[in-house]
Amino acid sequence: MARQPRFDLAGIPQHVVQRGNNRLPCFLDDHDRHCYLHLLHEALPDTRCALHAYVLMDNHVHLLVTPPMAGAIPRLMQKLGRQYVGQFNARHRRTGTLWEGRYKACLVDSESYMLRCYRYIDLNPVRARMTDDPAGYPWSSCATHCGDRDDSLLTPHPAYTALGRTVHERGAAYQALLRETLADGELDGIRDYLQQQRALGHDDFRAWVEAKTRRFAGIRPAHRPPRNH
């Protein structure tokens, strides 16, 4: 059966995850991570996508991105993925695929779900027990959202800028949000909508997506897979 295309609407944010093949590492050292971020920095203006949050884990990547038009995120991920794999393989003297098939992506409701995805992404290293301080993890957007670092990769989403009038106010408000634990139901919802590549948000948001695409945008009951960070 042919795979359905991903939901992809102009101006609607998407939570994107790409994993290493067979869950193997896609970053072996900090040079690899610097290389990935450099290529991402080049690919964003080429596709006019706005990056709001990111984290580089050992064997996968999370991005929160708003495309200017349909098709922009696939072009971003294709350009980024191919260039990174070429450089990774050349540097580590290997051949073959690096990524686990196609990336996964779900639409995100800007009204109230954006900051949940911000926090989900920035707290990945904490859930993986890589650090107790998410802002201290150098390969994510967290320090910037906390007001501790500038990052030219990032374009703040209006949901984030509404947290305060200044960098300090926004950073303090975001740090307070990080201290509020995401409930298990919220974590499971983000994972399920991402796994099934649907539309994460309120019922009226999903209804709007379904009207625009003429496709079911909710999740279907399934045996829950093992939890991923």
Protein backbone atom coordinates (compact mmCIF):
# COMPACT_ATOMS: atom_id res chain seq x y z
CA MET A 1 0.00 0.00 0.00
CA ALA A 2 1.34 3.42 -0.92
CA ARG A 3 2.22 5.64 2.01
CA GLN A 4 0.01 8.65 2.54
CA PRO A 5 1.81 11.98 2.24
CA ARG A 6 2.55 13.78 5.48
CA PHE A 7 0.30 16.60 6.60
CA ASP A 8 2.00 19.70 5.24
CA LEU A 9 0.33 23.12 5.32
CA ALA A 10 1.84 26.54 4.75
CA GLY A 11 2.46 28.46 7.96
CA ILE A 12 1.55 25.57 10.28
CA PRO A 13 4.39 24.43 12.58
CA GLN A 14 5.62 20.86 12.43
CA HIS A 15 7.37 18.76 15.06
CA VAL A 16 9.97 16.73 13.15
CA VAL A 17 12.05 13.79 14.35
CA GLN A 18 14.71 11.90 12.42
CA ARG A 19 16.39 8.83 13.87
CA GLY A 20 19.58 6.97 13.19
CA ASN A 21 19.20 3.68 11.32
CA ASN A 22 18.43 0.81 13.73
CA ARG A 23 18.56 3.41 16.54
CA LEU A 24 22.34 3.65 16.08
CA PRO A 25 24.15 6.96 16.73
CA CYS A 26 23.99 9.63 14.07
CA PHE A 27 26.50 11.78 15.99
CA LEU A 28 29.76 10.27 17.17
CA ASP A 29 31.38 13.42 18.55
CA ASP A 30 31.02 17.18 18.84
CA HIS A 31 32.52 17.72 15.38
CA ASP A 32 29.55 15.83 13.93
CA ARG A 33 27.13 17.97 15.92
CA HIS A 34 28.81 21.21 14.81
CA CYS A 35 28.67 19.97 11.22
CA TYR A 36 24.93 19.22 11.46
CA LEU A 37 24.13 22.62 12.94
CA HIS A 38 26.25 24.37 10.30
CA LEU A 39 24.38 22.59 7.51
CA LEU A 40 21.07 23.39 9.20
CA HIS A 41 22.10 27.05 9.36
CA GLU A 42 22.69 26.99 5.59
CA ALA A 43 19.53 25.06 4.72
CA LEU A 44 17.05 27.22 6.67
CA PRO A 45 17.34 30.40 4.55
CA ASP A 46 17.39 28.34 1.35
CA THR A 47 13.97 26.90 2.22
CA ARG A 48 12.73 29.95 4.18
CA CYS A 49 11.73 27.67 7.05
CA ALA A 50 11.67 29.12 10.59
CA LEU A 51 13.26 26.95 13.28
CA HIS A 52 11.80 27.44 16.77
CA ALA A 53 13.41 24.64 18.82
CA TYR A 54 15.83 21.77 18.36
CA VAL A 55 17.82 19.12 20.18
CA LEU A 56 20.56 16.81 18.93
CA MET A 57 20.54 13.53 20.83
CA ASP A 58 23.02 10.73 20.20
CA ASN A 59 20.78 8.78 17.83
CA HIS A 60 18.06 11.20 16.79
CA VAL A 61 17.16 14.83 16.20
CA HIS A 62 14.05 16.85 17.07
CA LEU A 63 13.18 20.06 15.22
CA LEU A 64 10.20 22.41 15.59
CA VAL A 65 9.79 24.20 12.27
CA THR A 66 7.28 26.44 10.49
CA PRO A 67 7.32 26.22 6.68
CA PRO A 68 6.44 29.22 4.47
CA MET A 69 4.70 26.89 2.03
CA ALA A 70 3.88 23.22 1.59
CA GLY A 71 6.91 21.25 0.52
CA ALA A 72 9.46 23.46 2.28
CA ILE A 73 10.15 21.07 5.16
CA PRO A 74 10.65 18.04 2.89
CA ARG A 75 13.17 20.11 0.91
CA LEU A 76 14.87 21.20 4.14
CA MET A 77 15.16 17.64 5.44
CA GLN A 78 16.31 16.23 2.11
CA LYS A 79 18.99 18.88 1.68
CA LEU A 80 20.15 18.63 5.29
CA GLY A 81 20.04 14.84 5.44
CA ARG A 82 21.93 14.19 2.24
CA GLN A 83 24.67 16.71 2.93
CA TYR A 84 25.16 15.53 6.49
CA VAL A 85 25.29 11.85 5.54
CA GLY A 86 27.87 12.56 2.85
CA GLN A 87 30.12 14.42 5.27
CA PHE A 88 29.54 11.91 8.09
CA ASN A 89 30.39 8.94 5.86
CA ALA A 90 33.50 10.61 4.44
CA ARG A 91 34.79 11.61 7.88
CA HIS A 92 34.15 8.24 9.51
CA ARG A 93 35.12 6.19 6.45
CA ARG A 94 31.83 4.39 6.14
CA THR A 95 29.20 3.85 3.44
CA GLY A 96 25.47 3.35 3.30
CA THR A 97 22.47 4.86 4.99
CA LEU A 98 22.56 6.73 8.26
CA TRP A 99 18.90 7.59 8.81
CA GLU A 100 16.06 5.23 9.70
CA GLY A 101 13.86 5.70 6.63
CA ARG A 102 11.77 8.83 6.28
CA TYR A 103 11.63 11.43 9.01
CA LYS A 104 8.39 11.71 10.98
CA ALA A 105 6.47 14.94 11.43
CA CYS A 106 3.18 16.11 12.90
CA LEU A 107 1.38 19.42 12.65
CA VAL A 108 1.25 21.49 15.85
CA ASP A 109 -1.56 23.77 16.97
CA SER A 110 -0.05 27.22 17.48
CA GLU A 111 -2.74 28.25 19.95
CA SER A 112 -1.63 26.26 22.99
CA TYR A 113 0.53 23.34 21.98
CA MET A 114 3.65 25.12 20.73
CA LEU A 115 5.15 25.66 24.16
CA ARG A 116 4.46 22.03 25.07
CA CYS A 117 6.58 21.03 22.08
CA TYR A 118 9.24 23.60 23.02
CA ARG A 119 9.49 22.01 26.46
CA TYR A 120 9.27 18.45 25.17
CA ILE A 121 12.21 19.07 22.85
CA ASP A 122 14.35 21.04 25.30
CA LEU A 123 13.80 18.52 28.10
CA ASN A 124 14.84 15.50 26.00
CA PRO A 125 18.35 15.35 27.54
CA VAL A 126 16.85 15.40 31.04
CA ARG A 127 14.44 12.55 30.28
CA ALA A 128 17.36 10.62 28.78
CA ARG A 129 19.33 11.24 32.02
CA MET A 130 22.11 12.98 30.13
CA THR A 131 21.91 16.06 32.35
CA ASP A 132 19.94 17.55 35.23
CA ASP A 133 20.17 21.04 33.71
CA PRO A 134 18.48 21.32 30.30
CA ALA A 135 19.90 24.82 29.72
CA GLY A 136 23.39 23.43 30.28
CA TYR A 137 23.07 20.92 27.46
CA PRO A 138 24.98 22.57 24.57
CA TRP A 139 23.20 20.87 21.66
CA SER A 140 19.69 22.21 22.09
CA SER A 141 17.74 25.45 21.95
CA CYS A 142 17.07 25.46 25.70
CA ALA A 143 19.76 27.96 26.76
CA THR A 144 18.46 30.45 24.20
CA HIS A 145 14.88 30.04 25.35
CA CYS A 146 16.05 30.59 28.93
CA GLY A 147 17.69 33.87 27.88
CA ASP A 148 21.26 32.63 28.44
CA ARG A 149 22.54 32.48 24.86
CA ASP A 150 21.97 33.96 21.41
CA ASP A 151 21.39 31.48 18.59
CA SER A 152 21.08 32.68 15.00
CA LEU A 153 19.45 29.38 14.04
CA LEU A 154 16.29 30.24 15.92
CA THR A 155 13.23 32.28 15.03
CA PRO A 156 11.03 32.77 18.11
CA HIS A 157 7.44 31.68 17.62
CA PRO A 158 4.74 34.17 18.73
CA ALA A 159 3.72 31.74 21.48
CA TYR A 160 7.21 32.15 22.94
CA THR A 161 7.53 35.91 22.45
CA ALA A 162 4.20 36.34 24.25
CA LEU A 163 5.89 35.11 27.44
CA GLY A 164 7.39 38.56 28.08
CA ARG A 165 8.38 41.93 26.68
CA THR A 166 12.13 41.45 27.07
CA VAL A 167 14.65 38.64 26.70
CA HIS A 168 14.96 38.51 30.49
CA GLU A 169 11.19 38.29 31.04
CA ARG A 170 10.77 35.61 28.40
CA GLY A 171 13.70 33.63 29.75
CA ALA A 172 12.40 33.73 33.32
CA ALA A 173 8.91 32.71 32.21
CA TYR A 174 10.27 29.84 30.15
CA GLN A 175 12.43 28.61 33.02
CA ALA A 176 9.29 28.52 35.16
CA LEU A 177 7.56 26.46 32.48
CA LEU A 178 10.45 24.01 32.41
CA ARG A 179 10.02 23.45 36.14
CA GLU A 180 6.39 22.41 35.52
CA THR A 181 6.61 18.71 34.71
CA LEU A 182 4.84 17.65 31.55
CA ALA A 183 2.16 15.17 32.58
CA ASP A 184 2.40 11.60 31.29
CA GLY A 185 -0.70 12.20 29.20
CA GLU A 186 0.90 15.23 27.55
CA LEU A 187 4.10 13.30 26.82
CA ASP A 188 2.16 10.35 25.42
CA GLY A 189 0.03 12.65 23.28
CA ILE A 190 3.07 14.33 21.72
CA ARG A 191 4.67 10.93 21.04
CA ASP A 192 1.52 9.38 19.61
CA TYR A 193 0.71 12.25 17.26
CA LEU A 194 4.32 12.32 16.10
CA GLN A 195 4.47 8.54 15.60
CA GLN A 196 1.24 8.55 13.57
CA GLN A 197 2.12 11.88 11.89
CA ARG A 198 -1.20 13.59 12.61
CA ALA A 199 -2.29 17.02 13.88
CA LEU A 200 -1.49 17.73 17.55
CA GLY A 201 -3.89 20.23 19.03
CA HIS A 202 -7.45 21.01 20.06
CA ASP A 203 -10.42 19.38 18.36
CA ASP A 204 -11.19 22.52 16.35
CA PHE A 205 -7.61 22.58 15.05
CA ARG A 206 -7.84 18.97 13.90
CA ALA A 207 -11.23 19.66 12.34
CA TRP A 208 -9.72 22.60 10.44
CA VAL A 209 -6.84 20.40 9.23
CA GLU A 210 -9.29 17.71 8.13
CA ALA A 211 -11.36 20.26 6.24
CA LYS A 212 -8.25 21.59 4.49
CA THR A 213 -6.79 18.18 3.62
CA ARG A 214 -9.89 15.94 3.53
CA ARG A 215 -7.99 13.42 5.62
CA PHE A 216 -8.41 12.11 9.16
CA ALA A 217 -6.02 14.06 11.42
CA GLY A 218 -6.51 12.34 14.78
CA ILE A 219 -4.67 9.34 16.16
CA ARG A 220 -5.98 5.80 15.92
CA PRO A 221 -5.88 3.36 18.85
CA ALA A 222 -2.85 1.11 18.70
CA HIS A 223 -0.59 -0.92 20.92
CA ARG A 224 1.67 1.64 22.50
CA PRO A 225 5.27 1.29 21.30
CA PRO A 226 8.19 1.53 23.73
CA ARG A 227 8.71 5.06 24.94
CA ASN A 228 11.23 7.19 23.07
CA HIS A 229 12.80 10.39 24.35
